[in-house]
All heavy atoms as atom14 arrays in JSON, in Angstrom:
{
  "sequence": "THYNYSTLDTIVLGWMLERATGQPVQTYMSTRLWQPLGAQSYGYWMT",
  "atom14_mask": [
    [1, 1, 1, 1, 1, 1, 1, 0, 0, 0, 0, 0, 0, 0],
    [1, 1, 1, 1, 1, 1, 1, 1, 1, 1, 0, 0, 0, 0],
    [1, 1, 1, 1, 1, 1, 1, 1, 1, 1, 1, 1, 0, 0],
    [1, 1, 1, 1, 1, 1, 1, 1, 0, 0, 0, 0, 0, 0],
    [1, 1, 1, 1, 1, 1, 1, 1, 1, 1, 1, 1, 0, 0],
    [1, 1, 1, 1, 1, 1, 0, 0, 0, 0, 0, 0, 0, 0],
    [1, 1, 1, 1, 1, 1, 1, 0, 0, 0, 0, 0, 0, 0],
    [1, 1, 1, 1, 1, 1, 1, 1, 0, 0, 0, 0, 0, 0],
    [1, 1, 1, 1, 1, 1, 1, 1, 0, 0, 0, 0, 0, 0],
    [1, 1, 1, 1, 1, 1, 1, 0, 0, 0, 0, 0, 0, 0],
    [1, 1, 1, 1, 1, 1, 1, 1, 0, 0, 0, 0, 0, 0],
    [1, 1, 1, 1, 1, 1, 1, 0, 0, 0, 0, 0, 0, 0],
    [1, 1, 1, 1, 1, 1, 1, 1, 0, 0, 0, 0, 0, 0],
    [1, 1, 1, 1, 0, 0, 0, 0, 0, 0, 0, 0, 0, 0],
    [1, 1, 1, 1, 1, 1, 1, 1, 1, 1, 1, 1, 1, 1],
    [1, 1, 1, 1, 1, 1, 1, 1, 0, 0, 0, 0, 0, 0],
    [1, 1, 1, 1, 1, 1, 1, 1, 0, 0, 0, 0, 0, 0],
    [1, 1, 1, 1, 1, 1, 1, 1, 1, 0, 0, 0, 0, 0],
    [1, 1, 1, 1, 1, 1, 1, 1, 1, 1, 1, 0, 0, 0],
    [1, 1, 1, 1, 1, 0, 0, 0, 0, 0, 0, 0, 0, 0],
    [1, 1, 1, 1, 1, 1, 1, 0, 0, 0, 0, 0, 0, 0],
    [1, 1, 1, 1, 0, 0, 0, 0, 0, 0, 0, 0, 0, 0],
    [1, 1, 1, 1, 1, 1, 1, 1, 1, 0, 0, 0, 0, 0],
    [1, 1, 1, 1, 1, 1, 1, 0, 0, 0, 0, 0, 0, 0],
    [1, 1, 1, 1, 1, 1, 1, 0, 0, 0, 0, 0, 0, 0],
    [1, 1, 1, 1, 1, 1, 1, 1, 1, 0, 0, 0, 0, 0],
    [1, 1, 1, 1, 1, 1, 1, 0, 0, 0, 0, 0, 0, 0],
    [1, 1, 1, 1, 1, 1, 1, 1, 1, 1, 1, 1, 0, 0],
    [1, 1, 1, 1, 1, 1, 1, 1, 0, 0, 0, 0, 0, 0],
    [1, 1, 1, 1, 1, 1, 0, 0, 0, 0, 0, 0, 0, 0],
    [1, 1, 1, 1, 1, 1, 1, 0, 0, 0, 0, 0, 0, 0],
    [1, 1, 1, 1, 1, 1, 1, 1, 1, 1, 1, 0, 0, 0],
    [1, 1, 1, 1, 1, 1, 1, 1, 0, 0, 0, 0, 0, 0],
    [1, 1, 1, 1, 1, 1, 1, 1, 1, 1, 1, 1, 1, 1],
    [1, 1, 1, 1, 1, 1, 1, 1, 1, 0, 0, 0, 0, 0],
    [1, 1, 1, 1, 1, 1, 1, 0, 0, 0, 0, 0, 0, 0],
    [1, 1, 1, 1, 1, 1, 1, 1, 0, 0, 0, 0, 0, 0],
    [1, 1, 1, 1, 0, 0, 0, 0, 0, 0, 0, 0, 0, 0],
    [1, 1, 1, 1, 1, 0, 0, 0, 0, 0, 0, 0, 0, 0],
    [1, 1, 1, 1, 1, 1, 1, 1, 1, 0, 0, 0, 0, 0],
    [1, 1, 1, 1, 1, 1, 0, 0, 0, 0, 0, 0, 0, 0],
    [1, 1, 1, 1, 1, 1, 1, 1, 1, 1, 1, 1, 0, 0],
    [1, 1, 1, 1, 0, 0, 0, 0, 0, 0, 0, 0, 0, 0],
    [1, 1, 1, 1, 1, 1, 1, 1, 1, 1, 1, 1, 0, 0],
    [1, 1, 1, 1, 1, 1, 1, 1, 1, 1, 1, 1, 1, 1],
    [1, 1, 1, 1, 1, 1, 1, 1, 0, 0, 0, 0, 0, 0],
    [1, 1, 1, 1, 1, 1, 1, 0, 0, 0, 0, 0, 0, 0]
  ],
  "atom14_positions": [
    [[0.8, -1.23, 0.0], [0.0, 0.0, 0.0], [0.83, 1.28, 0.0], [0.3, 2.35, -0.3], [-0.92, 0.03, 1.23], [-0.12, 0.07, 2.44], [-1.84, -1.18, 1.26], [0.0, 0.0, 0.0], [0.0, 0.0, 0.0], [0.0, 0.0, 0.0], [0.0, 0.0, 0.0], [0.0, 0.0, 0.0], [0.0, 0.0, 0.0], [0.0, 0.0, 0.0]],
    [[2.12, 1.19, 0.32], [2.91, 2.42, 0.5], [4.3, 2.22, -0.07], [5.0, 1.27, 0.27], [2.99, 2.76, 2.0], [3.77, 4.01, 2.3], [3.23, 5.27, 2.18], [5.05, 4.19, 2.71], [4.15, 6.18, 2.52], [5.26, 5.54, 2.82], [0.0, 0.0, 0.0], [0.0, 0.0, 0.0], [0.0, 0.0, 0.0], [0.0, 0.0, 0.0]],
    [[4.72, 3.17, -0.94], [6.07, 3.12, -1.5], [7.07, 3.69, -0.51], [6.9, 4.79, 0.02], [6.13, 3.92, -2.81], [7.54, 4.13, -3.32], [8.19, 3.11, -4.02], [8.2, 5.33, -3.11], [9.49, 3.31, -4.49], [9.49, 5.54, -3.58], [10.13, 4.52, -4.26], [11.42, 4.71, -4.72], [0.0, 0.0, 0.0], [0.0, 0.0, 0.0]],
    [[8.15, 2.95, -0.26], [9.22, 3.42, 0.61], [10.53, 2.82, 0.12], [10.78, 1.62, 0.26], [8.98, 2.98, 2.06], [10.13, 3.39, 2.98], [10.52, 4.56, 3.01], [10.68, 2.42, 3.71], [0.0, 0.0, 0.0], [0.0, 0.0, 0.0], [0.0, 0.0, 0.0], [0.0, 0.0, 0.0], [0.0, 0.0, 0.0], [0.0, 0.0, 0.0]],
    [[11.36, 3.67, -0.49], [12.62, 3.19, -1.05], [13.53, 2.69, 0.06], [13.82, 3.41, 1.02], [13.31, 4.33, -1.81], [14.55, 3.92, -2.55], [14.46, 3.42, -3.85], [15.81, 4.02, -1.96], [15.6, 3.04, -4.54], [16.94, 3.65, -2.65], [16.85, 3.15, -3.93], [17.97, 2.77, -4.6], [0.0, 0.0, 0.0], [0.0, 0.0, 0.0]],
    [[13.99, 1.45, -0.05], [14.78, 0.84, 1.02], [15.75, -0.18, 0.45], [15.34, -1.17, -0.17], [13.85, 0.16, 2.03], [14.59, -0.61, 2.96], [0.0, 0.0, 0.0], [0.0, 0.0, 0.0], [0.0, 0.0, 0.0], [0.0, 0.0, 0.0], [0.0, 0.0, 0.0], [0.0, 0.0, 0.0], [0.0, 0.0, 0.0], [0.0, 0.0, 0.0]],
    [[17.02, 0.04, 0.68], [18.03, -0.93, 0.27], [17.82, -2.26, 0.97], [18.12, -3.33, 0.41], [19.44, -0.39, 0.56], [19.66, 0.77, -0.26], [20.52, -1.42, 0.25], [0.0, 0.0, 0.0], [0.0, 0.0, 0.0], [0.0, 0.0, 0.0], [0.0, 0.0, 0.0], [0.0, 0.0, 0.0], [0.0, 0.0, 0.0], [0.0, 0.0, 0.0]],
    [[17.29, -2.23, 2.18], [17.04, -3.47, 2.9], [16.09, -4.38, 2.13], [16.26, -5.61, 2.14], [16.48, -3.16, 4.3], [16.22, -4.38, 5.18], [17.51, -5.15, 5.45], [15.56, -3.95, 6.49], [0.0, 0.0, 0.0], [0.0, 0.0, 0.0], [0.0, 0.0, 0.0], [0.0, 0.0, 0.0], [0.0, 0.0, 0.0], [0.0, 0.0, 0.0]],
    [[15.08, -3.82, 1.47], [14.17, -4.64, 0.66], [14.96, -5.43, -0.39], [14.7, -6.62, -0.62], [13.13, -3.75, -0.03], [11.96, -3.39, 0.87], [12.01, -3.74, 2.07], [11.0, -2.76, 0.39], [0.0, 0.0, 0.0], [0.0, 0.0, 0.0], [0.0, 0.0, 0.0], [0.0, 0.0, 0.0], [0.0, 0.0, 0.0], [0.0, 0.0, 0.0]],
    [[15.91, -4.77, -1.03], [16.69, -5.44, -2.06], [17.63, -6.49, -1.45], [17.84, -7.56, -2.03], [17.51, -4.43, -2.87], [16.66, -3.35, -3.27], [18.08, -5.08, -4.13], [0.0, 0.0, 0.0], [0.0, 0.0, 0.0], [0.0, 0.0, 0.0], [0.0, 0.0, 0.0], [0.0, 0.0, 0.0], [0.0, 0.0, 0.0], [0.0, 0.0, 0.0]],
    [[18.18, -6.19, -0.28], [19.02, -7.17, 0.42], [18.21, -8.43, 0.72], [18.7, -9.56, 0.55], [19.58, -6.56, 1.71], [20.56, -5.42, 1.4], [20.23, -7.63, 2.57], [21.84, -5.86, 0.74], [0.0, 0.0, 0.0], [0.0, 0.0, 0.0], [0.0, 0.0, 0.0], [0.0, 0.0, 0.0], [0.0, 0.0, 0.0], [0.0, 0.0, 0.0]],
    [[16.97, -8.26, 1.14], [16.1, -9.4, 1.42], [15.81, -10.19, 0.14], [15.74, -11.42, 0.15], [14.8, -8.93, 2.11], [13.79, -10.07, 2.2], [15.11, -8.4, 3.51], [0.0, 0.0, 0.0], [0.0, 0.0, 0.0], [0.0, 0.0, 0.0], [0.0, 0.0, 0.0], [0.0, 0.0, 0.0], [0.0, 0.0, 0.0], [0.0, 0.0, 0.0]],
    [[15.65, -9.49, -0.98], [15.48, -10.18, -2.26], [16.7, -11.04, -2.58], [16.59, -12.15, -3.11], [15.23, -9.18, -3.38], [13.88, -8.48, -3.41], [13.86, -7.38, -4.48], [12.75, -9.48, -3.67], [0.0, 0.0, 0.0], [0.0, 0.0, 0.0], [0.0, 0.0, 0.0], [0.0, 0.0, 0.0], [0.0, 0.0, 0.0], [0.0, 0.0, 0.0]],
    [[17.9, -10.54, -2.27], [19.11, -11.32, -2.47], [19.14, -12.55, -1.59], [19.56, -13.64, -2.02], [0.0, 0.0, 0.0], [0.0, 0.0, 0.0], [0.0, 0.0, 0.0], [0.0, 0.0, 0.0], [0.0, 0.0, 0.0], [0.0, 0.0, 0.0], [0.0, 0.0, 0.0], [0.0, 0.0, 0.0], [0.0, 0.0, 0.0], [0.0, 0.0, 0.0]],
    [[18.71, -12.39, -0.35], [18.6, -13.53, 0.57], [17.65, -14.58, 0.0], [17.94, -15.77, -0.01], [18.1, -13.0, 1.91], [18.21, -13.93, 3.08], [18.73, -15.2, 3.1], [17.83, -13.64, 4.43], [18.69, -15.72, 4.37], [18.14, -14.77, 5.21], [17.26, -12.52, 5.04], [17.87, -14.83, 6.59], [17.02, -12.58, 6.4], [17.31, -13.73, 7.17]],
    [[16.49, -14.11, -0.48], [15.51, -15.0, -1.08], [16.08, -15.71, -2.31], [15.87, -16.92, -2.52], [14.26, -14.19, -1.43], [13.12, -14.98, -2.07], [13.26, -15.15, -3.87], [13.32, -13.46, -4.41], [0.0, 0.0, 0.0], [0.0, 0.0, 0.0], [0.0, 0.0, 0.0], [0.0, 0.0, 0.0], [0.0, 0.0, 0.0], [0.0, 0.0, 0.0]],
    [[16.83, -14.98, -3.14], [17.44, -15.57, -4.34], [18.39, -16.7, -3.98], [18.41, -17.75, -4.63], [18.19, -14.49, -5.11], [17.47, -13.74, -6.21], [18.31, -12.57, -6.69], [17.15, -14.67, -7.38], [0.0, 0.0, 0.0], [0.0, 0.0, 0.0], [0.0, 0.0, 0.0], [0.0, 0.0, 0.0], [0.0, 0.0, 0.0], [0.0, 0.0, 0.0]],
    [[19.21, -16.47, -2.97], [20.17, -17.49, -2.57], [19.47, -18.76, -2.09], [19.9, -19.88, -2.41], [21.1, -16.95, -1.48], [22.02, -15.86, -1.98], [23.17, -15.57, -1.04], [23.12, -16.01, 0.12], [24.13, -14.9, -1.48], [0.0, 0.0, 0.0], [0.0, 0.0, 0.0], [0.0, 0.0, 0.0], [0.0, 0.0, 0.0], [0.0, 0.0, 0.0]],
    [[18.4, -18.6, -1.33], [17.66, -19.77, -0.86], [16.94, -20.46, -2.0], [16.89, -21.7, -2.07], [16.67, -19.34, 0.23], [17.34, -18.89, 1.5], [18.16, -20.04, 2.12], [18.81, -19.63, 3.35], [18.22, -19.56, 4.54], [16.93, -19.87, 4.66], [18.89, -19.19, 5.6], [0.0, 0.0, 0.0], [0.0, 0.0, 0.0], [0.0, 0.0, 0.0]],
    [[16.34, -19.69, -2.91], [15.58, -20.27, -4.02], [16.48, -21.03, -4.99], [16.12, -22.11, -5.48], [14.8, -19.18, -4.75], [0.0, 0.0, 0.0], [0.0, 0.0, 0.0], [0.0, 0.0, 0.0], [0.0, 0.0, 0.0], [0.0, 0.0, 0.0], [0.0, 0.0, 0.0], [0.0, 0.0, 0.0], [0.0, 0.0, 0.0], [0.0, 0.0, 0.0]],
    [[17.64, -20.47, -5.3], [18.53, -21.07, -6.29], [19.53, -22.06, -5.67], [20.12, -22.87, -6.38], [19.34, -20.0, -7.02], [20.2, -19.32, -6.09], [18.41, -18.98, -7.68], [0.0, 0.0, 0.0], [0.0, 0.0, 0.0], [0.0, 0.0, 0.0], [0.0, 0.0, 0.0], [0.0, 0.0, 0.0], [0.0, 0.0, 0.0], [0.0, 0.0, 0.0]],
    [[19.72, -21.96, -4.35], [20.71, -22.81, -3.7], [22.14, -22.39, -3.98], [23.07, -23.18, -3.81], [0.0, 0.0, 0.0], [0.0, 0.0, 0.0], [0.0, 0.0, 0.0], [0.0, 0.0, 0.0], [0.0, 0.0, 0.0], [0.0, 0.0, 0.0], [0.0, 0.0, 0.0], [0.0, 0.0, 0.0], [0.0, 0.0, 0.0], [0.0, 0.0, 0.0]],
    [[22.31, -21.14, -4.43], [23.64, -20.64, -4.77], [23.83, -19.22, -4.23], [22.87, -18.46, -4.16], [23.82, -20.59, -6.3], [23.61, -21.9, -7.02], [23.68, -21.71, -8.53], [24.68, -21.23, -9.06], [22.62, -22.08, -9.22], [0.0, 0.0, 0.0], [0.0, 0.0, 0.0], [0.0, 0.0, 0.0], [0.0, 0.0, 0.0], [0.0, 0.0, 0.0]],
    [[25.07, -18.85, -3.89], [25.32, -17.45, -3.56], [24.99, -16.55, -4.74], [25.05, -16.99, -5.9], [26.82, -17.43, -3.26], [27.19, -18.84, -2.95], [26.28, -19.68, -3.79], [0.0, 0.0, 0.0], [0.0, 0.0, 0.0], [0.0, 0.0, 0.0], [0.0, 0.0, 0.0], [0.0, 0.0, 0.0], [0.0, 0.0, 0.0], [0.0, 0.0, 0.0]],
    [[24.66, -15.31, -4.47], [24.3, -14.36, -5.52], [25.37, -14.3, -6.59], [25.08, -14.32, -7.8], [24.03, -12.96, -4.93], [23.98, -11.9, -6.02], [22.73, -12.95, -4.14], [0.0, 0.0, 0.0], [0.0, 0.0, 0.0], [0.0, 0.0, 0.0], [0.0, 0.0, 0.0], [0.0, 0.0, 0.0], [0.0, 0.0, 0.0], [0.0, 0.0, 0.0]],
    [[26.65, -14.22, -6.17], [27.73, -14.07, -7.14], [27.87, -15.29, -8.06], [28.19, -15.16, -9.25], [29.06, -13.77, -6.44], [29.62, -14.88, -5.59], [29.1, -14.86, -4.16], [28.15, -14.15, -3.85], [29.74, -15.61, -3.29], [0.0, 0.0, 0.0], [0.0, 0.0, 0.0], [0.0, 0.0, 0.0], [0.0, 0.0, 0.0], [0.0, 0.0, 0.0]],
    [[27.6, -16.47, -7.54], [27.7, -17.69, -8.35], [26.56, -17.77, -9.35], [26.77, -18.05, -10.54], [27.7, -18.94, -7.45], [28.76, -18.83, -6.51], [27.87, -20.2, -8.28], [0.0, 0.0, 0.0], [0.0, 0.0, 0.0], [0.0, 0.0, 0.0], [0.0, 0.0, 0.0], [0.0, 0.0, 0.0], [0.0, 0.0, 0.0], [0.0, 0.0, 0.0]],
    [[25.34, -17.52, -8.87], [24.19, -17.57, -9.77], [24.3, -16.5, -10.84], [24.01, -16.74, -12.02], [22.9, -17.4, -8.97], [21.65, -17.59, -9.81], [21.36, -18.82, -10.41], [20.76, -16.54, -10.02], [20.22, -19.0, -11.17], [19.61, -16.7, -10.78], [19.35, -17.94, -11.35], [18.22, -18.1, -12.13], [0.0, 0.0, 0.0], [0.0, 0.0, 0.0]],
    [[24.75, -15.32, -10.46], [24.91, -14.24, -11.43], [25.94, -14.6, -12.5], [25.75, -14.31, -13.68], [25.29, -12.94, -10.75], [25.44, -11.76, -11.71], [25.77, -10.22, -10.86], [26.01, -9.12, -12.27], [0.0, 0.0, 0.0], [0.0, 0.0, 0.0], [0.0, 0.0, 0.0], [0.0, 0.0, 0.0], [0.0, 0.0, 0.0], [0.0, 0.0, 0.0]],
    [[27.03, -15.23, -12.09], [28.07, -15.59, -13.04], [27.56, -16.56, -14.09], [27.71, -16.34, -15.29], [29.27, -16.18, -12.3], [30.24, -16.63, -13.22], [0.0, 0.0, 0.0], [0.0, 0.0, 0.0], [0.0, 0.0, 0.0], [0.0, 0.0, 0.0], [0.0, 0.0, 0.0], [0.0, 0.0, 0.0], [0.0, 0.0, 0.0], [0.0, 0.0, 0.0]],
    [[26.94, -17.65, -13.65], [26.51, -18.69, -14.59], [25.26, -18.31, -15.36], [25.11, -18.7, -16.52], [26.27, -20.01, -13.84], [25.28, -19.8, -12.81], [27.55, -20.5, -13.2], [0.0, 0.0, 0.0], [0.0, 0.0, 0.0], [0.0, 0.0, 0.0], [0.0, 0.0, 0.0], [0.0, 0.0, 0.0], [0.0, 0.0, 0.0], [0.0, 0.0, 0.0]],
    [[24.38, -17.53, -14.73], [23.07, -17.28, -15.35], [23.01, -15.98, -16.13], [22.21, -15.83, -17.04], [22.0, -17.28, -14.26], [20.57, -17.25, -14.79], [20.29, -18.44, -15.7], [18.91, -18.44, -16.11], [18.4, -17.67, -17.08], [19.18, -16.8, -17.71], [17.13, -17.75, -17.4], [0.0, 0.0, 0.0], [0.0, 0.0, 0.0], [0.0, 0.0, 0.0]],
    [[23.89, -15.01, -15.77], [23.83, -13.7, -16.41], [25.16, -13.28, -17.02], [25.24, -12.97, -18.21], [23.36, -12.65, -15.39], [23.29, -11.2, -15.85], [22.34, -11.04, -17.04], [22.86, -10.28, -14.7], [0.0, 0.0, 0.0], [0.0, 0.0, 0.0], [0.0, 0.0, 0.0], [0.0, 0.0, 0.0], [0.0, 0.0, 0.0], [0.0, 0.0, 0.0]],
    [[26.22, -13.25, -16.24], [27.47, -12.64, -16.67], [28.16, -13.42, -17.79], [28.67, -12.84, -18.74], [28.4, -12.47, -15.48], [29.3, -11.27, -15.56], [30.66, -11.25, -15.56], [28.9, -9.89, -15.65], [31.14, -9.97, -15.63], [30.07, -9.1, -15.68], [27.66, -9.25, -15.69], [30.04, -7.72, -15.77], [27.62, -7.87, -15.77], [28.8, -7.12, -15.8]],
    [[28.17, -14.74, -17.67], [28.82, -15.55, -18.71], [28.04, -15.55, -20.02], [28.62, -15.27, -21.08], [29.06, -16.97, -18.2], [30.08, -17.04, -17.08], [30.36, -18.45, -16.61], [30.2, -19.4, -17.35], [30.78, -18.58, -15.35], [0.0, 0.0, 0.0], [0.0, 0.0, 0.0], [0.0, 0.0, 0.0], [0.0, 0.0, 0.0], [0.0, 0.0, 0.0]],
    [[26.73, -15.83, -20.0], [26.0, -15.75, -21.27], [25.91, -14.35, -21.85], [25.73, -14.18, -23.05], [24.61, -16.31, -20.91], [24.51, -16.22, -19.44], [25.9, -16.37, -18.91], [0.0, 0.0, 0.0], [0.0, 0.0, 0.0], [0.0, 0.0, 0.0], [0.0, 0.0, 0.0], [0.0, 0.0, 0.0], [0.0, 0.0, 0.0], [0.0, 0.0, 0.0]],
    [[26.05, -13.32, -21.01], [26.04, -11.94, -21.49], [27.21, -11.66, -22.41], [27.15, -10.76, -23.26], [26.08, -10.98, -20.29], [26.06, -9.47, -20.58], [24.68, -9.01, -21.03], [26.5, -8.69, -19.35], [0.0, 0.0, 0.0], [0.0, 0.0, 0.0], [0.0, 0.0, 0.0], [0.0, 0.0, 0.0], [0.0, 0.0, 0.0], [0.0, 0.0, 0.0]],
    [[28.31, -12.41, -22.26], [29.51, -12.13, -23.04], [30.27, -10.95, -22.49], [30.83, -10.15, -23.26], [0.0, 0.0, 0.0], [0.0, 0.0, 0.0], [0.0, 0.0, 0.0], [0.0, 0.0, 0.0], [0.0, 0.0, 0.0], [0.0, 0.0, 0.0], [0.0, 0.0, 0.0], [0.0, 0.0, 0.0], [0.0, 0.0, 0.0], [0.0, 0.0, 0.0]],
    [[30.33, -10.83, -21.16], [31.03, -9.72, -20.52], [32.51, -9.73, -20.89], [33.11, -10.8, -21.07], [30.87, -9.8, -19.0], [0.0, 0.0, 0.0], [0.0, 0.0, 0.0], [0.0, 0.0, 0.0], [0.0, 0.0, 0.0], [0.0, 0.0, 0.0], [0.0, 0.0, 0.0], [0.0, 0.0, 0.0], [0.0, 0.0, 0.0], [0.0, 0.0, 0.0]],
    [[33.1, -8.55, -20.98], [34.52, -8.44, -21.35], [35.44, -8.67, -20.17], [36.62, -8.99, -20.33], [34.81, -7.07, -21.95], [34.83, -5.92, -20.94], [35.09, -4.57, -21.57], [34.51, -4.25, -22.6], [35.99, -3.81, -20.98], [0.0, 0.0, 0.0], [0.0, 0.0, 0.0], [0.0, 0.0, 0.0], [0.0, 0.0, 0.0], [0.0, 0.0, 0.0]],
    [[34.91, -8.5, -18.94], [35.73, -8.63, -17.75], [34.9, -9.22, -16.63], [33.66, -9.28, -16.71], [36.28, -7.26, -17.33], [37.11, -7.36, -16.19], [0.0, 0.0, 0.0], [0.0, 0.0, 0.0], [0.0, 0.0, 0.0], [0.0, 0.0, 0.0], [0.0, 0.0, 0.0], [0.0, 0.0, 0.0], [0.0, 0.0, 0.0], [0.0, 0.0, 0.0]],
    [[35.57, -9.67, -15.59], [34.87, -10.11, -14.39], [34.15, -8.91, -13.78], [34.51, -7.76, -14.02], [35.86, -10.71, -13.38], [36.87, -9.7, -12.86], [36.6, -8.95, -11.72], [38.07, -9.5, -13.51], [37.51, -8.02, -11.24], [38.99, -8.56, -13.04], [38.7, -7.82, -11.91], [39.6, -6.89, -11.46], [0.0, 0.0, 0.0], [0.0, 0.0, 0.0]],
    [[33.15, -9.17, -12.98], [32.57, -8.17, -12.11], [32.85, -8.58, -10.68], [33.41, -9.65, -10.43], [0.0, 0.0, 0.0], [0.0, 0.0, 0.0], [0.0, 0.0, 0.0], [0.0, 0.0, 0.0], [0.0, 0.0, 0.0], [0.0, 0.0, 0.0], [0.0, 0.0, 0.0], [0.0, 0.0, 0.0], [0.0, 0.0, 0.0], [0.0, 0.0, 0.0]],
    [[32.46, -7.75, -9.72], [32.6, -8.2, -8.33], [31.64, -7.45, -7.43], [31.22, -6.33, -7.71], [34.05, -8.07, -7.83], [34.62, -6.67, -7.76], [34.43, -5.87, -6.62], [35.39, -6.15, -8.79], [34.98, -4.61, -6.53], [35.95, -4.88, -8.71], [35.74, -4.12, -7.57], [36.28, -2.86, -7.47], [0.0, 0.0, 0.0], [0.0, 0.0, 0.0]],
    [[31.28, -8.13, -6.34], [30.37, -7.58, -5.34], [31.14, -7.21, -4.08], [31.99, -7.96, -3.61], [29.31, -8.61, -4.94], [28.25, -8.9, -5.96], [28.22, -9.96, -6.83], [27.06, -8.14, -6.2], [27.08, -9.9, -7.59], [26.35, -8.81, -7.23], [26.53, -6.98, -5.64], [25.13, -8.33, -7.71], [25.31, -6.51, -6.13], [24.63, -7.19, -7.16]],
    [[30.81, -6.09, -3.49], [31.23, -5.79, -2.12], [30.56, -6.81, -1.2], [29.45, -7.28, -1.48], [30.79, -4.38, -1.71], [31.38, -3.27, -2.53], [30.56, -1.67, -2.26], [30.83, -1.43, -0.5], [0.0, 0.0, 0.0], [0.0, 0.0, 0.0], [0.0, 0.0, 0.0], [0.0, 0.0, 0.0], [0.0, 0.0, 0.0], [0.0, 0.0, 0.0]],
    [[31.22, -7.15, -0.09], [30.63, -8.07, 0.87], [30.47, -7.41, 2.23], [31.07, -6.37, 2.51], [31.5, -9.34, 1.03], [32.7, -8.99, 1.74], [31.86, -9.93, -0.33], [0.0, 0.0, 0.0], [0.0, 0.0, 0.0], [0.0, 0.0, 0.0], [0.0, 0.0, 0.0], [0.0, 0.0, 0.0], [0.0, 0.0, 0.0], [0.0, 0.0, 0.0]]
  ]
}
């Protein structure tokens, strides 16, 4: 019912992603997005 911009909401989505896929965000992103994208370089996440 109410819009409230919050980084915590996105952090929780990442938590949900890891549980749903059974993989850390960085691993799932690499195999599912970054590699098929044809990226020119590695990426990296702050921890």
